[in-house]
Amino acid sequence: MKVSADRLSQQLARGLAPLYTVYGDELLLALEAADAIRAQALQAGFSERELFTVDGGFNWRTLKISGDSPSLFAAQRLLEIRIPSGKPGVEGGRALEAYCAALPPDTLTLVMLPKLDRQTQKSKWFQALDTTGVSVAATPVERSRLPRWIEQRLADQRQSAAPHTVRFLADRVEGNLLAAHQEIQKLGLLYPPGELSFEQVKDAVLDVSRYDVFKLTDAVLQGETARVVKILDGLNSEGADPILVLWALSREIRSLANIHFAVAGGTPLAQALRAEGVWESRHTLTRQALQRLSPAALAAALRHAAEIDRTIKGLARGDAWDMLLHLALALAQGKVDKTAWTV
């Protein structure tokens, strides 16, 4: 049974399942989910904890041996299996299937996994984990849902804020849940329960935005021009290397062009996206960009990227950051033509 991280507390309140699988790339939510399961298990009397970390040399027979062996120090135990790679291999997959088919008595099992692609989620071993227990998806909170997420976290510490204040905080943390969590906790320490004013939040919150190139490419694909400007300005002010920014933009341009060509050759769009290595979470963004940018526009964008490369290397005159801004905005707006390159 699958549940989202924000629904886990409700499931735990109904009673502990014998097996929990926490997977996903949002570290804060994964850690919180695991902590909640451990706390509930301890409260229910699972006082002994056994931990296995699966690496290249892990012997899967130890899992079976442990499952067959009674607890030495307590009537009930928590058995935790961490698979950092998310790939147990053939032997590990079979071992997990066998383990799920005969869960050890008086044992609560917690399996920790990273983000899994769709194919892995359809594997027999993951399906065994999912159908035997509860699977908790620790996935990133979409930017549109971040204000509501912040409001709930404030409410948990008996605080609130006006919508425009919450939006300000959401903009400052730029999707970084760990940073948002830290800032919310700080607000709880600084101010008493009740409604927070905009000035209180503004004075307390640090600029923890993560102006990285991957957020820039997401903003470009989504056509969010204001966010493109903000992130590029942040990268520039933080002293980022413009060649890294150019690499990220050029990679997206080539990827979009390859998908266009594949579809024109008769390949279904979904297959072309997978072949190009586009994560499922970015399929919608990529489709939006494909509708906005024609193959001819992408070819023009690549030519301009080459001009920027020459400028960065000192082989041509111009301001590389201004040129990067023009390129990113042209891609976001779908207006890639000669006039877009005037700087």
C-alpha atoms as a PDB file:
ATOM      1  CA  MET A   1       0.000   0.000   0.000  1.00  0.00           C
ATOM      2  CA  LYS A   2       1.425   3.369  -1.007  1.00  0.00           C
ATOM      3  CA  VAL A   3       1.033   6.513   1.114  1.00  0.00           C
ATOM      4  CA  SER A   4       2.555   9.956   0.708  1.00  0.00           C
ATOM      5  CA  ALA A   5       4.889  11.272   3.380  1.00  0.00           C
ATOM      6  CA  ASP A   6       2.300  13.776   4.610  1.00  0.00           C
ATOM      7  CA  ARG A   7      -0.252  10.964   5.128  1.00  0.00           C
ATOM      8  CA  LEU A   8       2.063   8.678   7.083  1.00  0.00           C
ATOM      9  CA  SER A   9       1.040  10.010  10.515  1.00  0.00           C
ATOM     10  CA  GLN A  10      -2.578   9.114   9.797  1.00  0.00           C
ATOM     11  CA  GLN A  11      -1.590   5.585   8.828  1.00  0.00           C
ATOM     12  CA  LEU A  12       0.572   5.166  11.934  1.00  0.00           C
ATOM     13  CA  ALA A  13      -2.315   6.328  14.112  1.00  0.00           C
ATOM     14  CA  ARG A  14      -4.379   3.407  12.809  1.00  0.00           C
ATOM     15  CA  GLY A  15      -1.717   0.914  13.898  1.00  0.00           C
ATOM     16  CA  LEU A  16       1.713  -0.275  12.859  1.00  0.00           C
ATOM     17  CA  ALA A  17       2.143  -2.332   9.718  1.00  0.00           C
ATOM     18  CA  PRO A  18       4.720  -5.158   9.848  1.00  0.00           C
ATOM     19  CA  LEU A  19       6.782  -3.643   7.035  1.00  0.00           C
ATOM     20  CA  TYR A  20       7.519  -0.084   5.863  1.00  0.00           C
ATOM     21  CA  THR A  21       9.438   0.979   2.759  1.00  0.00           C
ATOM     22  CA  VAL A  22      10.554   4.622   2.543  1.00  0.00           C
ATOM     23  CA  TYR A  23      11.839   5.716  -0.849  1.00  0.00           C
ATOM     24  CA  GLY A  24      12.464   9.012  -2.633  1.00  0.00           C
ATOM     25  CA  ASP A  25      14.988  11.795  -3.132  1.00  0.00           C
ATOM     26  CA  GLU A  26      13.596  14.374  -0.711  1.00  0.00           C
ATOM     27  CA  LEU A  27      15.976  13.843   2.199  1.00  0.00           C
ATOM     28  CA  LEU A  28      14.016  15.805   4.804  1.00  0.00           C
ATOM     29  CA  LEU A  29      10.769  13.909   4.183  1.00  0.00           C
ATOM     30  CA  ALA A  30      12.550  10.545   4.083  1.00  0.00           C
ATOM     31  CA  LEU A  31      14.313  11.231   7.394  1.00  0.00           C
ATOM     32  CA  GLU A  32      11.115  12.454   9.022  1.00  0.00           C
ATOM     33  CA  ALA A  33       9.167   9.429   7.799  1.00  0.00           C
ATOM     34  CA  ALA A  34      11.791   7.026   9.139  1.00  0.00           C
ATOM     35  CA  ASP A  35      11.946   8.878  12.470  1.00  0.00           C
ATOM     36  CA  ALA A  36       8.147   8.739  12.812  1.00  0.00           C
ATOM     37  CA  ILE A  37       8.126   4.988  12.162  1.00  0.00           C
ATOM     38  CA  ARG A  38      10.956   4.385  14.643  1.00  0.00           C
ATOM     39  CA  ALA A  39       9.237   6.503  17.325  1.00  0.00           C
ATOM     40  CA  GLN A  40       5.931   4.688  16.886  1.00  0.00           C
ATOM     41  CA  ALA A  41       7.732   1.341  16.953  1.00  0.00           C
ATOM     42  CA  LEU A  42       9.573   2.228  20.173  1.00  0.00           C
ATOM     43  CA  GLN A  43       6.320   3.343  21.764  1.00  0.00           C
ATOM     44  CA  ALA A  44       4.751   0.010  20.796  1.00  0.00           C
ATOM     45  CA  GLY A  45       7.534  -1.932  22.500  1.00  0.00           C
ATOM     46  CA  PHE A  46       9.997  -2.572  19.649  1.00  0.00           C
ATOM     47  CA  SER A  47      12.945  -1.714  21.850  1.00  0.00           C
ATOM     48  CA  GLU A  48      15.718  -3.594  20.004  1.00  0.00           C
ATOM     49  CA  ARG A  49      17.051  -2.290  16.683  1.00  0.00           C
ATOM     50  CA  GLU A  50      19.097  -4.161  14.099  1.00  0.00           C
ATOM     51  CA  LEU A  51      20.572  -2.390  11.073  1.00  0.00           C
ATOM     52  CA  PHE A  52      21.775  -3.749   7.722  1.00  0.00           C
ATOM     53  CA  THR A  53      23.388  -1.488   5.103  1.00  0.00           C
ATOM     54  CA  VAL A  54      23.501  -3.114   1.670  1.00  0.00           C
ATOM     55  CA  ASP A  55      26.690  -2.472  -0.290  1.00  0.00           C
ATOM     56  CA  GLY A  56      28.559  -4.346  -3.004  1.00  0.00           C
ATOM     57  CA  GLY A  57      29.809  -7.006  -0.643  1.00  0.00           C
ATOM     58  CA  PHE A  58      26.624  -7.526   1.340  1.00  0.00           C
ATOM     59  CA  ASN A  59      25.750 -11.147   2.080  1.00  0.00           C
ATOM     60  CA  TRP A  60      21.996 -11.515   1.693  1.00  0.00           C
ATOM     61  CA  ARG A  61      22.050 -14.747   3.686  1.00  0.00           C
ATOM     62  CA  THR A  62      22.504 -12.636   6.823  1.00  0.00           C
ATOM     63  CA  LEU A  63      19.009 -11.224   6.312  1.00  0.00           C
ATOM     64  CA  LYS A  64      17.480 -14.689   6.365  1.00  0.00           C
ATOM     65  CA  ILE A  65      19.618 -15.737   9.324  1.00  0.00           C
ATOM     66  CA  SER A  66      18.522 -12.659  11.237  1.00  0.00           C
ATOM     67  CA  GLY A  67      14.880 -13.244  10.342  1.00  0.00           C
ATOM     68  CA  ASP A  68      15.076 -16.835  11.544  1.00  0.00           C
ATOM     69  CA  SER A  69      16.794 -15.881  14.803  1.00  0.00           C
ATOM     70  CA  PRO A  70      14.718 -14.665  17.771  1.00  0.00           C
ATOM     71  CA  SER A  71      15.525 -11.358  19.408  1.00  0.00           C
ATOM     72  CA  LEU A  72      18.192 -11.674  22.103  1.00  0.00           C
ATOM     73  CA  PHE A  73      17.356  -8.671  24.249  1.00  0.00           C
ATOM     74  CA  ALA A  74      13.693  -7.801  23.677  1.00  0.00           C
ATOM     75  CA  ALA A  75      10.365  -9.390  22.839  1.00  0.00           C
ATOM     76  CA  GLN A  76      10.026  -7.181  19.769  1.00  0.00           C
ATOM     77  CA  ARG A  77      12.614  -5.629  17.466  1.00  0.00           C
ATOM     78  CA  LEU A  78      12.969  -3.153  14.620  1.00  0.00           C
ATOM     79  CA  LEU A  79      14.968  -4.488  11.682  1.00  0.00           C
ATOM     80  CA  GLU A  80      16.204  -1.750   9.335  1.00  0.00           C
ATOM     81  CA  ILE A  81      17.507  -2.448   5.821  1.00  0.00           C
ATOM     82  CA  ARG A  82      19.204   0.425   3.971  1.00  0.00           C
ATOM     83  CA  ILE A  83      19.881   0.067   0.237  1.00  0.00           C
ATOM     84  CA  PRO A  84      21.616   3.357  -0.756  1.00  0.00           C
ATOM     85  CA  SER A  85      21.963   2.362  -4.424  1.00  0.00           C
ATOM     86  CA  GLY A  86      18.332   1.323  -4.780  1.00  0.00           C
ATOM     87  CA  LYS A  87      19.549  -1.785  -6.646  1.00  0.00           C
ATOM     88  CA  PRO A  88      19.679  -4.973  -4.568  1.00  0.00           C
ATOM     89  CA  GLY A  89      20.677  -7.046  -7.595  1.00  0.00           C
ATOM     90  CA  VAL A  90      19.258 -10.395  -8.621  1.00  0.00           C
ATOM     91  CA  GLU A  91      20.226 -12.186  -5.412  1.00  0.00           C
ATOM     92  CA  GLY A  92      19.029  -9.311  -3.262  1.00  0.00           C
ATOM     93  CA  GLY A  93      15.742  -9.058  -5.134  1.00  0.00           C
ATOM     94  CA  ARG A  94      15.044 -12.731  -4.529  1.00  0.00           C
ATOM     95  CA  ALA A  95      16.049 -12.418  -0.887  1.00  0.00           C
ATOM     96  CA  LEU A  96      13.643  -9.516  -0.390  1.00  0.00           C
ATOM     97  CA  GLU A  97      10.834 -11.437  -2.086  1.00  0.00           C
ATOM     98  CA  ALA A  98      11.463 -14.456   0.155  1.00  0.00           C
ATOM     99  CA  TYR A  99      11.651 -12.213   3.223  1.00  0.00           C
ATOM    100  CA  CYS A 100       8.291 -10.616   2.409  1.00  0.00           C
ATOM    101  CA  ALA A 101       6.725 -14.026   1.843  1.00  0.00           C
ATOM    102  CA  ALA A 102       7.602 -15.059   5.411  1.00  0.00           C
ATOM    103  CA  LEU A 103       8.059 -11.994   7.625  1.00  0.00           C
ATOM    104  CA  PRO A 104       9.743 -12.859  10.937  1.00  0.00           C
ATOM    105  CA  PRO A 105       7.489 -12.734  13.986  1.00  0.00           C
ATOM    106  CA  ASP A 106       7.673  -9.925  16.546  1.00  0.00           C
ATOM    107  CA  THR A 107       9.673  -7.860  14.033  1.00  0.00           C
ATOM    108  CA  LEU A 108       8.894  -4.539  12.385  1.00  0.00           C
ATOM    109  CA  THR A 109      10.920  -4.061   9.204  1.00  0.00           C
ATOM    110  CA  LEU A 110      11.934  -0.689   7.767  1.00  0.00           C
ATOM    111  CA  VAL A 111      13.487  -0.585   4.289  1.00  0.00           C
ATOM    112  CA  MET A 112      15.163   2.660   3.177  1.00  0.00           C
ATOM    113  CA  LEU A 113      15.660   3.350  -0.551  1.00  0.00           C
ATOM    114  CA  PRO A 114      16.591   6.359  -2.701  1.00  0.00           C
ATOM    115  CA  LYS A 115      14.526   7.638  -5.618  1.00  0.00           C
ATOM    116  CA  LEU A 116      13.362   4.772  -7.840  1.00  0.00           C
ATOM    117  CA  ASP A 117      12.447   4.963 -11.504  1.00  0.00           C
ATOM    118  CA  ARG A 118       9.196   3.483 -12.776  1.00  0.00           C
ATOM    119  CA  GLN A 119      10.853   0.295 -14.018  1.00  0.00           C
ATOM    120  CA  THR A 120      12.346  -0.404 -10.593  1.00  0.00           C
ATOM    121  CA  GLN A 121       9.002   0.246  -8.920  1.00  0.00           C
ATOM    122  CA  LYS A 122       7.525  -2.451 -11.170  1.00  0.00           C
ATOM    123  CA  SER A 123      10.188  -4.995 -10.195  1.00  0.00           C
ATOM    124  CA  LYS A 124       9.083  -8.124  -8.336  1.00  0.00           C
ATOM    125  CA  TRP A 125      11.075  -7.297  -5.226  1.00  0.00           C
ATOM    126  CA  PHE A 126       9.636  -3.788  -4.882  1.00  0.00           C
ATOM    127  CA  GLN A 127       6.115  -5.039  -5.594  1.00  0.00           C
ATOM    128  CA  ALA A 128       6.640  -7.591  -2.830  1.00  0.00           C
ATOM    129  CA  LEU A 129       7.619  -4.816  -0.402  1.00  0.00           C
ATOM    130  CA  ASP A 130       4.680  -2.662  -1.484  1.00  0.00           C
ATOM    131  CA  THR A 131       1.991  -5.344  -1.243  1.00  0.00           C
ATOM    132  CA  THR A 132       3.297  -6.781   2.024  1.00  0.00           C
ATOM    133  CA  GLY A 133       3.499  -3.514   3.902  1.00  0.00           C
ATOM    134  CA  VAL A 134       3.296   0.260   3.517  1.00  0.00           C
ATOM    135  CA  SER A 135       5.374   2.193   0.972  1.00  0.00           C
ATOM    136  CA  VAL A 136       6.072   5.841   1.804  1.00  0.00           C
ATOM    137  CA  ALA A 137       6.997   8.099  -1.112  1.00  0.00           C
ATOM    138  CA  ALA A 138       9.338  10.902  -0.016  1.00  0.00           C
ATOM    139  CA  THR A 139       9.026  12.979  -3.162  1.00  0.00           C
ATOM    140  CA  PRO A 140       9.813  16.705  -3.539  1.00  0.00           C
ATOM    141  CA  VAL A 141       7.020  19.148  -2.794  1.00  0.00           C
ATOM    142  CA  GLU A 142       5.985  20.884  -6.009  1.00  0.00           C
ATOM    143  CA  ARG A 143       6.638  24.606  -6.010  1.00  0.00           C
ATOM    144  CA  SER A 144       2.920  25.349  -6.324  1.00  0.00           C
ATOM    145  CA  ARG A 145       2.269  23.308  -3.157  1.00  0.00           C
ATOM    146  CA  LEU A 146       5.122  24.755  -1.117  1.00  0.00           C
ATOM    147  CA  PRO A 147       3.084  27.615   0.495  1.00  0.00           C
ATOM    148  CA  ARG A 148       0.513  25.106   1.784  1.00  0.00           C
ATOM    149  CA  TRP A 149       3.338  22.915   3.079  1.00  0.00           C
ATOM    150  CA  ILE A 150       4.813  25.891   4.948  1.00  0.00           C
ATOM    151  CA  GLU A 151       1.407  26.825   6.387  1.00  0.00           C
ATOM    152  CA  GLN A 152       0.988  23.306   7.762  1.00  0.00           C
ATOM    153  CA  ARG A 153       4.451  23.335   9.323  1.00  0.00           C
ATOM    154  CA  LEU A 154       3.724  26.692  10.974  1.00  0.00           C
ATOM    155  CA  ALA A 155       0.405  25.361  12.258  1.00  0.00           C
ATOM    156  CA  ASP A 156       2.194  22.394  13.827  1.00  0.00           C
ATOM    157  CA  GLN A 157       4.054  24.873  16.052  1.00  0.00           C
ATOM    158  CA  ARG A 158       0.893  26.956  16.608  1.00  0.00           C
ATOM    159  CA  GLN A 159       1.903  29.781  14.319  1.00  0.00           C
ATOM    160  CA  SER A 160       0.410  31.249  11.158  1.00  0.00           C
ATOM    161  CA  ALA A 161       1.091  33.970   8.613  1.00  0.00           C
ATOM    162  CA  ALA A 162      -0.810  35.855   5.924  1.00  0.00           C
ATOM    163  CA  PRO A 163      -0.721  34.350   2.405  1.00  0.00           C
ATOM    164  CA  HIS A 164       1.653  37.007   1.051  1.00  0.00           C
ATOM    165  CA  THR A 165       4.036  36.366   3.956  1.00  0.00           C
ATOM    166  CA  VAL A 166       3.987  32.618   3.301  1.00  0.00           C
ATOM    167  CA  ARG A 167       4.651  33.239  -0.402  1.00  0.00           C
ATOM    168  CA  PHE A 168       7.621  35.430   0.545  1.00  0.00           C
ATOM    169  CA  LEU A 169       9.067  32.607   2.633  1.00  0.00           C
ATOM    170  CA  ALA A 170       8.443  30.105  -0.172  1.00  0.00           C
ATOM    171  CA  ASP A 171      10.284  32.339  -2.639  1.00  0.00           C
ATOM    172  CA  ARG A 172      13.231  32.709  -0.303  1.00  0.00           C
ATOM    173  CA  VAL A 173      13.799  28.995   0.217  1.00  0.00           C
ATOM    174  CA  GLU A 174      13.334  28.250  -3.514  1.00  0.00           C
ATOM    175  CA  GLY A 175      12.070  24.683  -3.035  1.00  0.00           C
ATOM    176  CA  ASN A 176      14.757  23.683  -0.520  1.00  0.00           C
ATOM    177  CA  LEU A 177      12.640  21.799   2.048  1.00  0.00           C
ATOM    178  CA  LEU A 178      15.483  21.360   4.509  1.00  0.00           C
ATOM    179  CA  ALA A 179      16.146  25.103   4.462  1.00  0.00           C
ATOM    180  CA  ALA A 180      12.409  25.803   4.793  1.00  0.00           C
ATOM    181  CA  HIS A 181      12.217  23.439   7.768  1.00  0.00           C
ATOM    182  CA  GLN A 182      15.132  25.178   9.462  1.00  0.00           C
ATOM    183  CA  GLU A 183      13.646  28.625   8.889  1.00  0.00           C
ATOM    184  CA  ILE A 184      10.244  27.542  10.225  1.00  0.00           C
ATOM    185  CA  GLN A 185      11.883  26.088  13.325  1.00  0.00           C
ATOM    186  CA  LYS A 186      13.770  29.348  13.804  1.00  0.00           C
ATOM    187  CA  LEU A 187      10.506  31.283  13.643  1.00  0.00           C
ATOM    188  CA  GLY A 188       9.137  29.002  16.349  1.00  0.00           C
ATOM    189  CA  LEU A 189      12.108  29.795  18.582  1.00  0.00           C
ATOM    190  CA  LEU A 190      12.070  33.537  17.968  1.00  0.00           C
ATOM    191  CA  TYR A 191       8.365  34.281  18.236  1.00  0.00           C
ATOM    192  CA  PRO A 192       5.476  33.069  20.422  1.00  0.00           C
ATOM    193  CA  PRO A 193       2.440  31.191  19.067  1.00  0.00           C
ATOM    194  CA  GLY A 194       0.078  33.278  16.964  1.00  0.00           C
ATOM    195  CA  GLU A 195       0.143  35.103  13.654  1.00  0.00           C
ATOM    196  CA  LEU A 196       3.520  36.217  12.377  1.00  0.00           C
ATOM    197  CA  SER A 197       3.831  39.586  10.698  1.00  0.00           C
ATOM    198  CA  PHE A 198       5.578  40.075   7.389  1.00  0.00           C
ATOM    199  CA  GLU A 199       8.287  42.146   9.100  1.00  0.00           C
ATOM    200  CA  GLN A 200       8.949  39.400  11.638  1.00  0.00           C
ATOM    201  CA  VAL A 201       9.425  36.797   8.929  1.00  0.00           C
ATOM    202  CA  LYS A 202      11.461  39.133   6.755  1.00  0.00           C
ATOM    203  CA  ASP A 203      13.820  39.977   9.627  1.00  0.00           C
ATOM    204  CA  ALA A 204      14.269  36.346  10.654  1.00  0.00           C
ATOM    205  CA  VAL A 205      14.673  34.581   7.335  1.00  0.00           C
ATOM    206  CA  LEU A 206      18.067  34.310   5.696  1.00  0.00           C
ATOM    207  CA  ASP A 207      18.531  34.074   1.963  1.00  0.00           C
ATOM    208  CA  VAL A 208      18.795  30.305   1.660  1.00  0.00           C
ATOM    209  CA  SER A 209      17.801  30.094  -1.987  1.00  0.00           C
ATOM    210  CA  ARG A 210      19.646  27.447  -3.964  1.00  0.00           C
ATOM    211  CA  TYR A 211      20.469  29.192  -7.194  1.00  0.00           C
ATOM    212  CA  ASP A 212      21.747  26.163  -9.029  1.00  0.00           C
ATOM    213  CA  VAL A 213      21.815  25.422 -12.718  1.00  0.00           C
ATOM    214  CA  PHE A 214      19.276  22.622 -12.468  1.00  0.00           C
ATOM    215  CA  LYS A 215      16.640  24.963 -11.074  1.00  0.00           C
ATOM    216  CA  LEU A 216      17.500  27.339 -13.900  1.00  0.00           C
ATOM    217  CA  THR A 217      16.821  24.703 -16.560  1.00  0.00           C
ATOM    218  CA  ASP A 218      13.541  23.756 -14.871  1.00  0.00           C
ATOM    219  CA  ALA A 219      12.459  27.398 -14.918  1.00  0.00           C
ATOM    220  CA  VAL A 220      13.442  27.676 -18.594  1.00  0.00           C
ATOM    221  CA  LEU A 221      11.472  24.561 -19.531  1.00  0.00           C
ATOM    222  CA  GLN A 222       8.464  25.798 -17.598  1.00  0.00           C
ATOM    223  CA  GLY A 223       8.613  29.246 -19.215  1.00  0.00           C
ATOM    224  CA  GLU A 224       8.908  31.111 -15.907  1.00  0.00           C
ATOM    225  CA  THR A 225      10.727  34.230 -17.099  1.00  0.00           C
ATOM    226  CA  ALA A 226      10.760  36.071 -13.781  1.00  0.00           C
ATOM    227  CA  ARG A 227      12.250  33.036 -12.070  1.00  0.00           C
ATOM    228  CA  VAL A 228      14.842  32.683 -14.839  1.00  0.00           C
ATOM    229  CA  VAL A 229      16.012  36.235 -14.223  1.00  0.00           C
ATOM    230  CA  LYS A 230      16.103  35.713 -10.454  1.00  0.00           C
ATOM    231  CA  ILE A 231      18.102  32.480 -10.594  1.00  0.00           C
ATOM    232  CA  LEU A 232      20.575  33.767 -13.184  1.00  0.00           C
ATOM    233  CA  ASP A 233      21.117  36.915 -11.143  1.00  0.00           C
ATOM    234  CA  GLY A 234      21.753  34.739  -8.093  1.00  0.00           C
ATOM    235  CA  LEU A 235      24.215  32.520  -9.939  1.00  0.00           C
ATOM    236  CA  ASN A 236      26.064  35.575 -11.182  1.00  0.00           C
ATOM    237  CA  SER A 237      26.210  37.244  -7.761  1.00  0.00           C
ATOM    238  CA  GLU A 238      27.416  34.005  -6.147  1.00  0.00           C
ATOM    239  CA  GLY A 239      30.333  33.829  -8.571  1.00  0.00           C
ATOM    240  CA  ALA A 240      29.166  30.772 -10.491  1.00  0.00           C
ATOM    241  CA  ASP A 241      31.204  29.812 -13.543  1.00  0.00           C
ATOM    242  CA  PRO A 242      29.273  30.890 -16.670  1.00  0.00           C
ATOM    243  CA  ILE A 243      30.589  27.868 -18.555  1.00  0.00           C
ATOM    244  CA  LEU A 244      28.631  25.629 -16.154  1.00  0.00           C
ATOM    245  CA  VAL A 245      25.444  27.579 -16.848  1.00  0.00           C
ATOM    246  CA  LEU A 246      26.062  27.374 -20.592  1.00  0.00           C
ATOM    247  CA  TRP A 247      26.654  23.628 -20.318  1.00  0.00           C
ATOM    248  CA  ALA A 248      23.305  23.125 -18.553  1.00  0.00           C
ATOM    249  CA  LEU A 249      21.361  25.218 -21.095  1.00  0.00           C
ATOM    250  CA  SER A 250      23.117  23.596 -24.054  1.00  0.00           C
ATOM    251  CA  ARG A 251      22.371  20.141 -22.693  1.00  0.00           C
ATOM    252  CA  GLU A 252      18.649  20.942 -22.478  1.00  0.00           C
ATOM    253  CA  ILE A 253      18.633  22.430 -25.985  1.00  0.00           C
ATOM    254  CA  ARG A 254      20.285  19.335 -27.472  1.00  0.00           C
ATOM    255  CA  SER A 255      17.952  17.042 -25.552  1.00  0.00           C
ATOM    256  CA  LEU A 256      14.874  18.870 -26.860  1.00  0.00           C
ATOM    257  CA  ALA A 257      16.247  18.793 -30.407  1.00  0.00           C
ATOM    258  CA  ASN A 258      16.945  15.058 -30.180  1.00  0.00           C
ATOM    259  CA  ILE A 259      13.398  14.397 -28.986  1.00  0.00           C
ATOM    260  CA  HIS A 260      11.960  16.494 -31.837  1.00  0.00           C
ATOM    261  CA  PHE A 261      13.991  14.522 -34.397  1.00  0.00           C
ATOM    262  CA  ALA A 262      13.018  11.178 -32.847  1.00  0.00           C
ATOM    263  CA  VAL A 263       9.321  12.021 -32.908  1.00  0.00           C
ATOM    264  CA  ALA A 264       9.592  13.285 -36.482  1.00  0.00           C
ATOM    265  CA  GLY A 265      11.097   9.900 -37.361  1.00  0.00           C
ATOM    266  CA  GLY A 266       8.081   8.039 -35.988  1.00  0.00           C
ATOM    267  CA  THR A 267       9.142   7.371 -32.389  1.00  0.00           C
ATOM    268  CA  PRO A 268       6.300   7.839 -29.851  1.00  0.00           C
ATOM    269  CA  LEU A 269       6.895  10.858 -27.626  1.00  0.00           C
ATOM    270  CA  ALA A 270       6.918   8.833 -24.397  1.00  0.00           C
ATOM    271  CA  GLN A 271       9.547   6.508 -25.832  1.00  0.00           C
ATOM    272  CA  ALA A 272      11.630   9.422 -27.095  1.00  0.00           C
ATOM    273  CA  LEU A 273      11.580  11.009 -23.638  1.00  0.00           C
ATOM    274  CA  ARG A 274      12.776   7.789 -22.024  1.00  0.00           C
ATOM    275  CA  ALA A 275      15.461   7.260 -24.660  1.00  0.00           C
ATOM    276  CA  GLU A 276      16.793  10.748 -23.992  1.00  0.00           C
ATOM    277  CA  GLY A 277      16.958   9.991 -20.262  1.00  0.00           C
ATOM    278  CA  VAL A 278      14.313  12.520 -19.179  1.00  0.00           C
ATOM    279  CA  TRP A 279      13.136  11.800 -15.640  1.00  0.00           C
ATOM    280  CA  GLU A 280       9.425  11.094 -15.388  1.00  0.00           C
ATOM    281  CA  SER A 281       9.002  14.026 -12.990  1.00  0.00           C
ATOM    282  CA  ARG A 282      10.213  16.345 -15.803  1.00  0.00           C
ATOM    283  CA  HIS A 283       8.070  14.925 -18.622  1.00  0.00           C
ATOM    284  CA  THR A 284       5.433  17.642 -18.291  1.00  0.00           C
ATOM    285  CA  LEU A 285       8.037  20.429 -18.299  1.00  0.00           C
ATOM    286  CA  THR A 286       9.759  18.927 -21.329  1.00  0.00           C
ATOM    287  CA  ARG A 287       6.485  18.568 -23.250  1.00  0.00           C
ATOM    288  CA  GLN A 288       5.720  22.238 -22.575  1.00  0.00           C
ATOM    289  CA  ALA A 289       9.098  23.265 -23.949  1.00  0.00           C
ATOM    290  CA  LEU A 290       8.701  21.037 -27.025  1.00  0.00           C
ATOM    291  CA  GLN A 291       5.428  22.754 -27.866  1.00  0.00           C
ATOM    292  CA  ARG A 292       7.040  26.163 -27.443  1.00  0.00           C
ATOM    293  CA  LEU A 293      10.318  25.542 -29.289  1.00  0.00           C
ATOM    294  CA  SER A 294      10.540  24.229 -32.848  1.00  0.00           C
ATOM    295  CA  PRO A 295      13.584  22.354 -34.211  1.00  0.00           C
ATOM    296  CA  ALA A 296      14.572  25.498 -36.128  1.00  0.00           C
ATOM    297  CA  ALA A 297      14.394  27.573 -32.937  1.00  0.00           C
ATOM    298  CA  LEU A 298      16.548  25.052 -31.101  1.00  0.00           C
ATOM    299  CA  ALA A 299      19.116  25.087 -33.901  1.00  0.00           C
ATOM    300  CA  ALA A 300      19.274  28.893 -33.605  1.00  0.00           C
ATOM    301  CA  ALA A 301      19.677  28.560 -29.844  1.00  0.00           C
ATOM    302  CA  LEU A 302      22.616  26.208 -30.290  1.00  0.00           C
ATOM    303  CA  ARG A 303      24.277  28.690 -32.626  1.00  0.00           C
ATOM    304  CA  HIS A 304      23.932  31.375 -29.993  1.00  0.00           C
ATOM    305  CA  ALA A 305      25.293  28.984 -27.353  1.00  0.00           C
ATOM    306  CA  ALA A 306      28.380  28.627 -29.543  1.00  0.00           C
ATOM    307  CA  GLU A 307      28.732  32.433 -29.600  1.00  0.00           C
ATOM    308  CA  ILE A 308      28.523  32.530 -25.810  1.00  0.00           C
ATOM    309  CA  ASP A 309      31.178  29.835 -25.573  1.00  0.00           C
ATOM    310  CA  ARG A 310      33.529  31.953 -27.690  1.00  0.00           C
ATOM    311  CA  THR A 311      32.809  34.968 -25.482  1.00  0.00           C
ATOM    312  CA  ILE A 312      33.518  33.067 -22.264  1.00  0.00           C
ATOM    313  CA  LYS A 313      36.821  31.873 -23.717  1.00  0.00           C
ATOM    314  CA  GLY A 314      37.787  35.417 -24.673  1.00  0.00           C
ATOM    315  CA  LEU A 315      37.599  34.753 -28.415  1.00  0.00           C
ATOM    316  CA  ALA A 316      34.737  37.206 -28.959  1.00  0.00           C
ATOM    317  CA  ARG A 317      33.635  40.454 -27.364  1.00  0.00           C
ATOM    318  CA  GLY A 318      30.549  40.734 -25.177  1.00  0.00           C
ATOM    319  CA  ASP A 319      29.146  40.132 -21.702  1.00  0.00           C
ATOM    320  CA  ALA A 320      28.676  36.402 -21.209  1.00  0.00           C
ATOM    321  CA  TRP A 321      26.099  36.808 -18.432  1.00  0.00           C
ATOM    322  CA  ASP A 322      23.972  39.175 -20.532  1.00  0.00           C
ATOM    323  CA  MET A 323      24.131  36.723 -23.405  1.00  0.00           C
ATOM    324  CA  LEU A 324      23.167  33.834 -21.126  1.00  0.00           C
ATOM    325  CA  LEU A 325      20.199  35.848 -19.881  1.00  0.00           C
ATOM    326  CA  HIS A 326      19.033  36.560 -23.438  1.00  0.00           C
ATOM    327  CA  LEU A 327      19.373  32.894 -24.362  1.00  0.00           C
ATOM    328  CA  ALA A 328      17.528  31.638 -21.280  1.00  0.00           C
ATOM    329  CA  LEU A 329      14.699  34.160 -21.700  1.00  0.00           C
ATOM    330  CA  ALA A 330      14.370  33.397 -25.401  1.00  0.00           C
ATOM    331  CA  LEU A 331      14.022  29.699 -24.598  1.00  0.00           C
ATOM    332  CA  ALA A 332      11.536  30.358 -21.800  1.00  0.00           C
ATOM    333  CA  GLN A 333       9.409  32.621 -24.012  1.00  0.00           C
ATOM    334  CA  GLY A 334       9.703  30.517 -27.149  1.00  0.00           C
ATOM    335  CA  LYS A 335      11.002  33.530 -29.068  1.00  0.00           C
ATOM    336  CA  VAL A 336      14.295  32.307 -30.428  1.00  0.00           C
ATOM    337  CA  ASP A 337      15.125  34.517 -33.389  1.00  0.00           C
ATOM    338  CA  LYS A 338      17.917  36.838 -34.472  1.00  0.00           C
ATOM    339  CA  THR A 339      16.532  39.808 -32.541  1.00  0.00           C
ATOM    340  CA  ALA A 340      16.832  37.841 -29.310  1.00  0.00           C
ATOM    341  CA  TRP A 341      20.612  38.032 -29.447  1.00  0.00           C
ATOM    342  CA  THR A 342      21.021  41.794 -29.393  1.00  0.00           C
ATOM    343  CA  VAL A 343      22.998  42.701 -26.284  1.00  0.00           C
END
